[in-house]
């Protein structure tokens, strides 16, 4: 009961504060109108009897105070929504975007301050105030926008963190010494998780590069309302954590981004091209687009197919038919690693173990398929 009472008291005090601010706004507005009327030569309140002028100011202040008191619930809801939206937006912006935008914003405000000194020389106060306001808003927006677009040139974080700068220098030396290209990871290969086991073998050389926009996409997937997508996103974040903590492979988070490019895959290819690196993926379409654009790509599925046990035509094996095939009479079985086996005439042996003979093997970058017939 006591907390509820305290909340009610707090709401009342907040509404009273908004009412006072409204009264002050009314007085300020009346004073501005008075100055404007005086400037253009009309009758102004200062020519009236001081008591009458005071009464006018009091009436306006009370009227604005009452108006803002009744409007205070709507004002509170509006500002709450605005603050929540700003908080959510800032949370989704990468750290280097925030740093670059903040630096640009500060520079824009400083320039606006200097220019406003010249604007204040205009003899008409309302005009000079309006021009100064427009200057501050325009230069602040331009500073924030340009700062975000040029954030890759802002290195304040490295200068403020010697340890981070030393680590980056060590990674650069390692790359130059080994001559290995950096490996740029895409979202699908991180969620897949096999990259961790591959790196653990020591086969992969060079630095693993994790783009900030890939991290952002993973975070969006992990926050999805769909439980399947949410679990995939969280798995991807867990894999990244394991890669950074448990592997000896150098890992770098690349803050570079491209606001003029909407698709993550296109950003990934451009980043790999600029770094002189290799895209690591298990996305078949991304692999093909990379080949068209001349960007080197490593497909995890192709690697998995290359190390699978070889099955040759004529070999015999025992399989369990699990479902119907596309063609009449066909049955479908699977190896332990998930490879599909299409058995001609196997439909009538549903859920039974049968002996089959391999007739052909179809292997592509998307996977492997085995065709067989009854023994």
Protein backbone atom coordinates (compact mmCIF):
# COMPACT_ATOMS: atom_id res chain seq x y z
CA UNK A 1 0.00 0.00 0.00
CA UNK A 2 2.82 2.36 0.90
CA UNK A 3 4.61 2.09 -2.49
CA UNK A 4 1.35 2.84 -4.30
CA UNK A 5 0.82 5.92 -2.14
CA UNK A 6 4.35 7.09 -2.88
CA UNK A 7 3.75 6.64 -6.62
CA UNK A 8 0.57 8.71 -6.43
CA UNK A 9 2.40 11.48 -4.56
CA UNK A 10 5.16 11.36 -7.17
CA UNK A 11 2.67 11.67 -10.02
CA UNK A 12 0.98 14.65 -8.37
CA UNK A 13 4.33 16.39 -7.80
CA UNK A 14 5.35 15.73 -11.39
CA UNK A 15 2.07 17.20 -12.68
CA UNK A 16 2.58 20.27 -10.48
CA UNK A 17 6.11 20.67 -11.83
CA UNK A 18 4.80 20.49 -15.42
CA UNK A 19 2.15 23.08 -14.49
CA UNK A 20 4.89 25.42 -13.18
CA UNK A 21 6.89 24.92 -16.37
CA UNK A 22 3.74 25.73 -18.35
CA UNK A 23 3.20 28.91 -16.34
CA UNK A 24 6.80 29.93 -17.03
CA UNK A 25 6.32 29.19 -20.72
CA UNK A 26 3.22 31.39 -20.78
CA UNK A 27 5.07 34.28 -19.14
CA UNK A 28 8.01 33.88 -21.56
CA UNK A 29 5.65 33.78 -24.52
CA UNK A 30 3.85 36.92 -23.36
CA UNK A 31 7.17 38.70 -22.83
CA UNK A 32 8.22 37.77 -26.36
CA UNK A 33 4.97 39.08 -27.81
CA UNK A 34 5.43 42.26 -25.76
CA UNK A 35 8.94 42.76 -27.17
CA UNK A 36 7.73 42.15 -30.71
CA UNK A 37 4.89 44.65 -30.34
CA UNK A 38 7.33 47.21 -28.94
CA UNK A 39 9.70 46.60 -31.85
CA UNK A 40 7.06 47.23 -34.52
CA UNK A 41 5.69 50.27 -32.67
CA UNK A 42 2.40 48.88 -31.40
CA UNK A 43 1.09 49.26 -27.88
CA UNK A 44 2.98 47.06 -25.44
CA UNK A 45 2.45 46.06 -21.86
CA UNK A 46 5.27 48.26 -20.60
CA UNK A 47 3.17 51.34 -21.53
CA UNK A 48 0.32 50.15 -19.34
CA UNK A 49 0.01 50.80 -15.63
CA UNK A 50 2.42 48.46 -13.83
CA UNK A 51 -0.39 46.89 -11.79
CA UNK A 52 -2.45 46.17 -14.91
CA UNK A 53 0.59 44.63 -16.64
CA UNK A 54 1.23 42.46 -13.58
CA UNK A 55 -2.38 41.26 -13.63
CA UNK A 56 -2.08 40.31 -17.31
CA UNK A 57 1.09 38.31 -16.62
CA UNK A 58 -0.56 36.57 -13.65
CA UNK A 59 -3.66 35.66 -15.69
CA UNK A 60 -1.53 34.22 -18.51
CA UNK A 61 0.68 32.29 -16.06
CA UNK A 62 -2.34 30.80 -14.26
CA UNK A 63 -4.06 29.91 -17.54
CA UNK A 64 -0.97 28.15 -18.93
CA UNK A 65 -0.37 26.45 -15.58
CA UNK A 66 -3.90 25.00 -15.46
CA UNK A 67 -3.71 23.97 -19.13
CA UNK A 68 -0.39 22.15 -18.67
CA UNK A 69 -1.62 20.53 -15.44
CA UNK A 70 -4.49 18.85 -17.28
CA UNK A 71 -2.25 18.03 -20.25
CA UNK A 72 0.50 16.61 -18.02
CA UNK A 73 -0.58 12.90 -18.32
CA UNK A 74 -0.37 13.11 -22.11
CA UNK A 75 2.93 15.01 -21.89
CA UNK A 76 4.38 12.39 -19.52
CA UNK A 77 3.30 9.53 -21.83
CA UNK A 78 4.76 11.31 -24.85
CA UNK A 79 8.15 11.92 -23.24
CA UNK A 80 8.23 8.36 -21.88
CA UNK A 81 7.72 6.98 -25.39
CA UNK A 82 10.33 9.35 -26.82
CA UNK A 83 12.91 8.40 -24.17
CA UNK A 84 12.22 4.67 -24.68
CA UNK A 85 12.58 5.04 -28.45
CA UNK A 86 15.86 6.96 -28.09
CA UNK A 87 17.19 4.37 -25.64
CA UNK A 88 16.30 1.50 -27.97
CA UNK A 89 17.81 3.29 -30.98
CA UNK A 90 21.06 4.09 -29.17
CA UNK A 91 21.32 0.50 -27.93
CA UNK A 92 21.18 -0.81 -31.50
CA UNK A 93 23.86 1.59 -32.81
CA UNK A 94 27.39 0.10 -32.87
CA UNK A 95 29.86 1.67 -30.43
CA UNK A 96 32.02 3.21 -33.16
CA UNK A 97 28.92 4.82 -34.70
CA UNK A 98 28.15 6.37 -31.31
CA UNK A 99 31.72 7.63 -30.92
CA UNK A 100 31.88 9.07 -34.44
CA UNK A 101 28.42 10.61 -34.17
CA UNK A 102 29.15 12.15 -30.77
CA UNK A 103 32.40 13.71 -31.98
CA UNK A 104 30.63 15.11 -35.04
CA UNK A 105 27.76 16.42 -32.89
CA UNK A 106 30.14 18.26 -30.56
CA UNK A 107 32.02 19.81 -33.49
CA UNK A 108 28.73 20.87 -35.09
CA UNK A 109 27.56 22.56 -31.87
CA UNK A 110 30.90 24.36 -31.47
CA UNK A 111 30.68 25.71 -35.03
CA UNK A 112 27.06 26.76 -34.41
CA UNK A 113 28.14 28.59 -31.24
CA UNK A 114 30.78 30.55 -33.15
CA UNK A 115 28.40 31.45 -35.97
CA UNK A 116 25.67 32.46 -33.51
CA UNK A 117 27.95 35.23 -32.22
CA UNK A 118 27.72 36.82 -35.64
CA UNK A 119 24.00 36.18 -35.87
CA UNK A 120 23.41 37.92 -32.53
CA UNK A 121 24.57 41.16 -34.17
CA UNK A 122 21.26 41.27 -36.07
CA UNK A 123 19.32 44.16 -34.43
CA UNK A 124 16.00 42.24 -34.44
CA UNK A 125 16.09 39.81 -31.45
CA UNK A 126 13.33 37.42 -32.66
CA UNK A 127 15.07 37.03 -36.02
CA UNK A 128 18.52 36.47 -34.48
CA UNK A 129 17.06 33.91 -32.03
CA UNK A 130 15.29 32.03 -34.83
CA UNK A 131 18.38 32.00 -37.04
CA UNK A 132 20.55 30.79 -34.13
CA UNK A 133 18.07 28.00 -33.38
CA UNK A 134 18.10 26.84 -37.01
CA UNK A 135 21.92 26.97 -37.02
CA UNK A 136 22.20 24.79 -33.91
CA UNK A 137 19.71 22.21 -35.18
CA UNK A 138 21.19 22.04 -38.70
CA UNK A 139 24.86 21.84 -37.69
CA UNK A 140 24.15 19.38 -34.88
CA UNK A 141 22.35 17.07 -37.34
CA UNK A 142 25.08 17.43 -39.98
CA UNK A 143 27.78 16.78 -37.38
CA UNK A 144 26.07 13.63 -36.11
CA UNK A 145 25.43 12.29 -39.62
CA UNK A 146 28.90 13.01 -41.01
CA UNK A 147 30.54 11.73 -37.82
CA UNK A 148 28.73 8.39 -38.13
CA UNK A 149 29.63 8.04 -41.80
CA UNK A 150 33.31 8.80 -41.10
CA UNK A 151 33.53 6.78 -37.87
CA UNK A 152 36.05 4.38 -39.41
CA UNK A 153 38.55 7.28 -39.24
CA UNK A 154 37.87 7.88 -35.55
CA UNK A 155 40.39 6.00 -33.41
CA UNK A 156 39.61 7.49 -30.01
CA UNK A 157 38.96 4.09 -28.47
CA UNK A 158 42.37 2.80 -29.47
CA UNK A 159 44.10 5.93 -28.17
CA UNK A 160 42.23 5.71 -24.87
CA UNK A 161 43.01 1.99 -24.53
CA UNK A 162 46.72 1.19 -24.99
CA UNK A 163 46.01 -2.49 -24.38
CA UNK A 164 43.54 -2.58 -27.28
CA UNK A 165 45.95 -0.73 -29.55
CA UNK A 166 48.78 -3.14 -28.63
CA UNK A 167 46.52 -6.11 -29.36
CA UNK A 168 45.59 -4.71 -32.76
CA UNK A 169 49.27 -4.16 -33.55
CA UNK A 170 50.10 -7.75 -32.55
CA UNK A 171 47.33 -9.05 -34.82
CA UNK A 172 48.63 -6.98 -37.71
CA UNK A 173 52.17 -8.30 -37.17
CA UNK A 174 50.86 -11.86 -37.05
CA UNK A 175 49.05 -11.40 -40.36
CA UNK A 176 52.12 -9.87 -42.02
CA UNK A 177 54.37 -12.61 -40.67
CA UNK A 178 52.15 -15.55 -41.63
CA UNK A 179 51.06 -14.09 -44.95
CA UNK A 180 47.61 -15.62 -44.35
CA UNK A 181 44.53 -13.73 -45.42
CA UNK A 182 42.05 -12.68 -42.71
CA UNK A 183 38.92 -14.86 -42.58
CA UNK A 184 35.70 -12.81 -42.51
CA UNK A 185 32.89 -14.79 -40.85
CA UNK A 186 29.29 -14.43 -41.94
CA UNK A 187 26.20 -14.93 -39.75
CA UNK A 188 25.27 -18.38 -41.05
CA UNK A 189 28.68 -19.94 -40.43
CA UNK A 190 28.76 -18.56 -36.88
CA UNK A 191 25.33 -20.00 -36.06
CA UNK A 192 26.32 -23.30 -37.72
CA UNK A 193 29.12 -23.68 -35.17
CA UNK A 194 31.42 -26.01 -37.11
CA UNK A 195 33.90 -23.16 -37.63
CA UNK A 196 34.87 -23.54 -33.96
CA UNK A 197 35.81 -27.21 -34.42
CA UNK A 198 37.65 -26.46 -37.66
CA UNK A 199 39.70 -23.68 -36.03
CA UNK A 200 40.40 -25.96 -33.08
CA UNK A 201 42.26 -28.37 -35.39
CA UNK A 202 44.74 -25.61 -36.31
CA UNK A 203 44.00 -25.86 -40.04
CA UNK A 204 42.74 -22.28 -40.31
CA UNK A 205 45.49 -19.64 -40.49
CA UNK A 206 45.18 -15.89 -40.20
CA UNK A 207 42.91 -13.65 -38.17
CA UNK A 208 39.21 -14.34 -37.77
CA UNK A 209 37.36 -11.09 -38.52
CA UNK A 210 33.89 -10.61 -37.03
CA UNK A 211 32.15 -7.57 -38.61
CA UNK A 212 30.12 -5.35 -36.29
CA UNK A 213 27.09 -5.56 -38.61
CA UNK A 214 27.19 -9.36 -38.30
CA UNK A 215 27.19 -9.00 -34.51
CA UNK A 216 24.24 -6.65 -34.80
CA UNK A 217 22.34 -9.12 -36.97
CA UNK A 218 23.07 -11.92 -34.49
CA UNK A 219 21.74 -9.76 -31.67
CA UNK A 220 18.54 -9.07 -33.62
CA UNK A 221 18.07 -12.80 -34.28
CA UNK A 222 18.71 -13.57 -30.59
CA UNK A 223 16.02 -11.03 -29.60
CA UNK A 224 13.48 -12.41 -32.10
CA UNK A 225 9.97 -13.32 -30.94
CA UNK A 226 10.30 -16.60 -32.87
CA UNK A 227 11.73 -19.19 -30.47
CA UNK A 228 13.58 -21.04 -33.25
CA UNK A 229 15.30 -17.87 -34.49
CA UNK A 230 16.01 -16.79 -30.92
CA UNK A 231 17.75 -20.09 -30.13
CA UNK A 232 19.81 -19.86 -33.33
CA UNK A 233 20.90 -16.32 -32.49
CA UNK A 234 21.88 -17.26 -28.94
CA UNK A 235 23.80 -20.27 -30.25
CA UNK A 236 25.73 -17.96 -32.59
CA UNK A 237 26.64 -15.62 -29.72
CA UNK A 238 27.75 -18.60 -27.61
CA UNK A 239 29.95 -19.86 -30.46
CA UNK A 240 31.59 -16.43 -30.78
CA UNK A 241 32.25 -16.40 -27.05
CA UNK A 242 33.88 -19.84 -27.26
CA UNK A 243 36.00 -18.79 -30.23
CA UNK A 244 37.33 -15.74 -28.36
CA UNK A 245 38.00 -17.56 -25.08
CA UNK A 246 39.05 -21.09 -26.04
CA UNK A 247 40.96 -20.78 -29.31
CA UNK A 248 44.49 -19.60 -29.96
CA UNK A 249 43.43 -18.15 -33.31
CA UNK A 250 43.61 -14.31 -33.32
CA UNK A 251 40.14 -12.76 -33.41
CA UNK A 252 39.25 -9.16 -34.31
CA UNK A 253 35.92 -7.34 -34.26
CA UNK A 254 35.85 -5.02 -37.28
CA UNK A 255 33.86 -1.83 -36.58
CA UNK A 256 33.80 -0.78 -40.23
CA UNK A 257 30.28 -0.47 -41.65
CA UNK A 258 28.62 0.75 -44.85
CA UNK A 259 25.48 2.84 -44.37
CA UNK A 260 24.94 3.11 -48.12
CA UNK A 261 24.56 -0.70 -48.40
CA UNK A 262 21.42 -2.31 -46.98
CA UNK A 263 22.13 -6.05 -47.27
CA UNK A 264 24.50 -7.74 -44.83
CA UNK A 265 25.86 -10.09 -47.52
CA UNK A 266 26.83 -7.14 -49.73
CA UNK A 267 28.55 -5.45 -46.78
CA UNK A 268 30.39 -8.69 -46.04
CA UNK A 269 31.74 -8.98 -49.58
CA UNK A 270 32.86 -5.35 -49.65
CA UNK A 271 34.61 -5.67 -46.29
CA UNK A 272 36.42 -8.83 -47.37
CA UNK A 273 37.51 -7.12 -50.58
CA UNK A 274 38.85 -4.07 -48.70
CA UNK A 275 40.69 -6.23 -46.15
CA UNK A 276 42.07 -8.55 -48.82
CA UNK A 277 40.43 -11.37 -46.88
CA UNK A 278 38.34 -14.46 -47.47
CA UNK A 279 34.63 -14.85 -46.69
CA UNK A 280 33.87 -17.96 -44.63
CA UNK A 281 30.27 -19.11 -45.08
CA UNK A 282 27.94 -22.06 -45.53
CA UNK A 283 25.45 -20.00 -47.56
CA UNK A 284 25.35 -21.47 -51.06
CA UNK A 285 24.01 -18.28 -52.66
CA UNK A 286 26.58 -16.04 -50.95
CA UNK A 287 29.31 -18.38 -52.15
CA UNK A 288 28.13 -17.98 -55.76
CA UNK A 289 27.80 -14.18 -55.51
CA UNK A 290 31.33 -14.00 -54.07
CA UNK A 291 32.63 -15.99 -57.03
CA UNK A 292 30.91 -13.61 -59.47
CA UNK A 293 32.41 -10.55 -57.74
CA UNK A 294 35.85 -12.12 -57.53
CA UNK A 295 35.94 -12.27 -53.73
CA UNK A 296 37.55 -15.47 -52.33
CA UNK A 297 35.13 -17.58 -50.27
CA UNK A 298 35.44 -20.75 -48.21
CA UNK A 299 32.29 -22.87 -48.05
CA UNK A 300 32.04 -25.01 -44.90
CA UNK A 301 29.66 -27.41 -46.69
CA UNK A 302 32.23 -28.00 -49.43
CA UNK A 303 34.83 -28.77 -46.76
CA UNK A 304 32.43 -31.16 -45.03
CA UNK A 305 31.72 -32.93 -48.32
CA UNK A 306 35.43 -33.23 -49.03
CA UNK A 307 36.13 -35.06 -45.76
CA UNK A 308 33.10 -37.36 -45.84
CA UNK A 309 33.74 -41.08 -46.22
CA UNK A 310 33.82 -41.94 -49.91
CA UNK A 311 30.93 -44.07 -51.16
CA UNK A 312 31.53 -45.67 -54.53
CA UNK A 313 29.02 -47.21 -56.97
CA UNK A 314 28.73 -50.95 -56.39
CA UNK A 315 29.20 -50.79 -52.63
CA UNK A 316 26.63 -52.50 -50.43
CA UNK A 317 25.14 -51.12 -47.23
CA UNK A 318 22.29 -51.67 -44.80
CA UNK A 319 19.82 -48.79 -44.42
CA UNK A 320 16.41 -48.10 -42.85
CA UNK A 321 13.73 -46.65 -45.13
CA UNK A 322 12.18 -43.68 -43.32
CA UNK A 323 9.93 -41.95 -45.85
CA UNK A 324 8.65 -41.88 -49.42
CA UNK A 325 10.70 -40.53 -52.29
CA UNK A 326 9.54 -38.07 -54.94
CA UNK A 327 9.21 -40.69 -57.65
CA UNK A 328 6.83 -43.64 -57.55
CA UNK A 329 8.15 -46.57 -55.52
CA UNK A 330 11.17 -44.71 -54.14
CA UNK A 331 12.11 -44.81 -50.47
CA UNK A 332 14.42 -42.47 -48.62
CA UNK A 333 16.99 -43.37 -45.95
CA UNK A 334 19.78 -41.43 -44.27
CA UNK A 335 23.35 -42.10 -43.19
CA UNK A 336 24.45 -41.15 -39.67
CA UNK A 337 25.90 -37.87 -40.96
CA UNK A 338 22.58 -36.89 -42.57
CA UNK A 339 23.41 -37.85 -46.17
CA UNK A 340 20.23 -38.75 -48.08
CA UNK A 341 19.99 -42.14 -49.77
CA UNK A 342 17.29 -42.56 -52.43
CA UNK A 343 16.45 -46.26 -52.83
CA UNK A 344 14.65 -47.30 -56.02
CA UNK A 345 11.80 -49.65 -55.08
CA UNK A 346 12.32 -49.13 -51.35
CA UNK A 347 8.90 -47.66 -50.57
CA UNK A 348 7.32 -51.03 -49.70
CA UNK A 349 9.97 -51.59 -46.98
CA UNK A 350 8.95 -48.55 -44.90
CA UNK A 351 10.64 -48.53 -41.45
CA UNK A 352 12.52 -51.73 -42.27
CA UNK A 353 16.25 -52.43 -42.57
CA UNK A 354 17.23 -53.60 -46.03
CA UNK A 355 20.42 -54.25 -47.97
CA UNK A 356 21.01 -51.95 -50.95
CA UNK A 357 23.65 -51.47 -53.62
CA UNK A 358 24.93 -47.99 -54.47
CA UNK A 359 24.33 -47.06 -58.10
CA UNK A 360 25.55 -43.44 -58.21
CA UNK A 361 26.61 -40.51 -56.02
CA UNK A 362 25.63 -36.90 -56.67
CA UNK A 363 27.88 -34.40 -54.88
CA UNK A 364 27.38 -30.63 -54.91
CA UNK A 365 28.30 -27.64 -52.76
CA UNK A 366 24.82 -27.85 -51.22
CA UNK A 367 25.38 -31.45 -50.05
CA UNK A 368 25.65 -35.06 -51.19
CA UNK A 369 22.97 -37.50 -52.36
CA UNK A 370 23.36 -41.25 -52.84
CA UNK A 371 21.21 -43.31 -55.21
CA UNK A 372 20.83 -47.03 -54.58
CA UNK A 373 18.76 -50.08 -55.57
CA UNK A 374 17.58 -53.15 -53.72
CA UNK A 375 20.16 -55.91 -53.51
